[in-house]
Every structure is written in C-alpha cells, then in structure tokens.
C-alpha cells in the first residue's frame, strides 16, 4: 500500500498534467457519455449556472462539473454557504425552465466564446 507521501506526489503529478492540458486550451468536457440522460444533466448545469447567478449575483463562477448517467456535480465559487431559501429558489428556477420543455439545440464554442455567452 502506498504511503501518504507517495500518494500525494502521484496526485500532484496528475494535477500538473491536467493544468498543462488546460493551459494549452485543451479541455476535456465533463460528460461521461452522450446518452440522453447525460445530455439532459449537461443542459441542467447551464440552467443551474444561470439560476445561481440570478439568485446569488454575477460574481458566481462555474469552477467545474462532472456529469454521469447517475448524477451531476456542479462546482461554483461563492463567498458563503447558500441558505435553504436560496437553494429552494435556484431549484424552483431550474425546474420551471425544465417544465417549459424548451427545444434542445447545441453549438460548439471556444472557451473564450463560452465565457462571453454563458
């Protein structure tokens, strides 16, 4: 079994490699696959991001996401813990948009286009 120092060094090497890839502008998307449910969860992250910015403010920045057929994780920056009221409002906004059953479209963007358009 590796000791803690070896494990830390391995994890740091992995992180450095990911950082080098990101620096080159080579981003790996957060989707585990392109199934219908995973695509829906990916769309939900966009809805969640907009709702979070509406509720908490424009300072909220997405820091990452991980999407599989079982769940989605959405990482974002905010200076304090969200209140239950804020959580409920974000959930309500997202569910309201989902229930409108908007038509799905997609487009490819560069990272800089993504940050402008959102």
Protein backbone atom coordinates (compact mmCIF):
# COMPACT_ATOMS: atom_id res chain seq x y z
CA UNK A 1 0.00 0.00 0.00
CA UNK A 2 1.49 3.39 -0.97
CA UNK A 3 2.25 5.77 1.84
CA UNK A 4 0.65 9.21 2.05
CA UNK A 5 3.69 10.99 0.57
CA UNK A 6 3.73 8.73 -2.49
CA UNK A 7 0.00 9.16 -3.00
CA UNK A 8 0.31 12.94 -2.64
CA UNK A 9 3.13 13.04 -5.22
CA UNK A 10 1.06 10.93 -7.63
CA UNK A 11 -1.97 13.20 -7.25
CA UNK A 12 0.18 16.32 -7.71
CA UNK A 13 1.65 14.87 -10.91
CA UNK A 14 -1.86 14.16 -12.21
CA UNK A 15 -2.94 17.72 -11.37
CA UNK A 16 0.12 19.22 -13.10
CA UNK A 17 -0.66 17.22 -16.22
CA UNK A 18 -4.27 18.42 -16.21
CA UNK A 19 -3.10 22.01 -15.72
CA UNK A 20 -0.71 21.76 -18.66
CA UNK A 21 -3.54 20.50 -20.86
CA UNK A 22 -5.81 23.33 -19.72
CA UNK A 23 -3.08 25.90 -20.33
CA UNK A 24 -2.86 24.70 -23.94
CA UNK A 25 -6.62 25.24 -24.28
CA UNK A 26 -7.32 21.52 -24.46
CA UNK A 27 -10.30 20.97 -22.21
CA UNK A 28 -11.95 17.63 -21.63
CA UNK A 29 -15.69 18.04 -21.24
CA UNK A 30 -17.40 16.93 -18.07
CA UNK A 31 -19.66 14.40 -19.80
CA UNK A 32 -19.14 10.71 -19.10
CA UNK A 33 -21.02 9.81 -22.31
CA UNK A 34 -23.54 11.28 -24.73
CA UNK A 35 -26.64 9.41 -23.63
CA UNK A 36 -29.97 11.23 -23.44
CA UNK A 37 -29.91 11.47 -19.63
CA UNK A 38 -26.32 12.72 -19.56
CA UNK A 39 -27.19 15.34 -22.17
CA UNK A 40 -30.17 16.44 -20.07
CA UNK A 41 -27.96 16.73 -16.99
CA UNK A 42 -25.49 18.77 -19.02
CA UNK A 43 -28.30 21.12 -20.02
CA UNK A 44 -29.33 21.30 -16.37
CA UNK A 45 -25.86 22.60 -15.47
CA UNK A 46 -26.43 25.56 -17.81
CA UNK A 47 -29.80 26.22 -16.20
CA UNK A 48 -28.28 25.88 -12.74
CA UNK A 49 -25.46 28.29 -13.55
CA UNK A 50 -27.89 30.96 -14.76
CA UNK A 51 -30.17 30.44 -11.75
CA UNK A 52 -27.22 30.65 -9.33
CA UNK A 53 -26.07 33.92 -10.90
CA UNK A 54 -29.63 35.29 -10.77
CA UNK A 55 -30.05 34.36 -7.10
CA UNK A 56 -26.55 34.93 -5.70
CA UNK A 57 -25.12 37.51 -8.10
CA UNK A 58 -22.89 37.81 -11.15
CA UNK A 59 -19.78 37.08 -9.08
CA UNK A 60 -20.69 33.36 -9.16
CA UNK A 61 -18.30 31.49 -11.45
CA UNK A 62 -18.56 27.87 -12.54
CA UNK A 63 -15.41 26.05 -11.38
CA UNK A 64 -16.18 22.64 -12.80
CA UNK A 65 -18.73 19.92 -13.32
CA UNK A 66 -18.88 16.18 -13.59
CA UNK A 67 -21.81 14.55 -15.30
CA UNK A 68 -22.68 10.86 -15.47
CA UNK A 69 -25.92 8.98 -16.13
CA UNK A 70 -26.41 8.66 -12.35
CA UNK A 71 -25.86 12.28 -11.26
CA UNK A 72 -24.35 15.65 -11.95
CA UNK A 73 -21.93 17.66 -9.85
CA UNK A 74 -21.65 21.40 -10.35
CA UNK A 75 -18.81 23.30 -8.69
CA UNK A 76 -19.00 27.06 -8.33
CA UNK A 77 -17.48 29.90 -6.35
CA UNK A 78 -19.45 31.87 -3.78
CA UNK A 79 -18.19 33.50 -0.61
CA UNK A 80 -20.63 31.88 1.81
CA UNK A 81 -22.83 28.86 2.33
CA UNK A 82 -26.13 29.08 0.50
CA UNK A 83 -29.24 29.40 2.65
CA UNK A 84 -32.09 26.93 2.33
CA UNK A 85 -34.18 29.74 0.83
CA UNK A 86 -31.54 30.37 -1.85
CA UNK A 87 -31.29 26.64 -2.61
CA UNK A 88 -35.06 26.39 -2.92
CA UNK A 89 -35.18 29.41 -5.24
CA UNK A 90 -32.43 28.03 -7.52
CA UNK A 91 -34.20 24.67 -7.63
CA UNK A 92 -37.51 26.35 -8.44
CA UNK A 93 -35.98 28.41 -11.28
CA UNK A 94 -34.30 25.36 -12.80
CA UNK A 95 -37.43 23.20 -12.53
CA UNK A 96 -39.57 25.97 -14.02
CA UNK A 97 -37.33 26.09 -17.10
CA UNK A 98 -37.24 22.29 -17.40
CA UNK A 99 -41.05 22.16 -17.24
CA UNK A 100 -41.27 24.60 -20.16
CA UNK A 101 -39.78 21.82 -22.30
CA UNK A 102 -37.72 24.19 -24.43
CA UNK A 103 -36.42 22.74 -27.72
CA UNK A 104 -32.85 21.45 -27.47
CA UNK A 105 -30.12 22.87 -29.68
CA UNK A 106 -26.34 22.74 -29.48
CA UNK A 107 -23.33 24.60 -30.77
CA UNK A 108 -19.61 24.30 -30.36
CA UNK A 109 -17.80 27.24 -28.81
CA UNK A 110 -14.27 28.11 -27.95
CA UNK A 111 -13.63 28.60 -24.22
CA UNK A 112 -13.50 32.38 -24.72
CA UNK A 113 -16.88 32.36 -26.52
CA UNK A 114 -18.36 30.28 -23.71
CA UNK A 115 -17.35 32.79 -21.04
CA UNK A 116 -18.89 35.69 -23.02
CA UNK A 117 -22.15 33.99 -23.94
CA UNK A 118 -22.51 31.84 -20.81
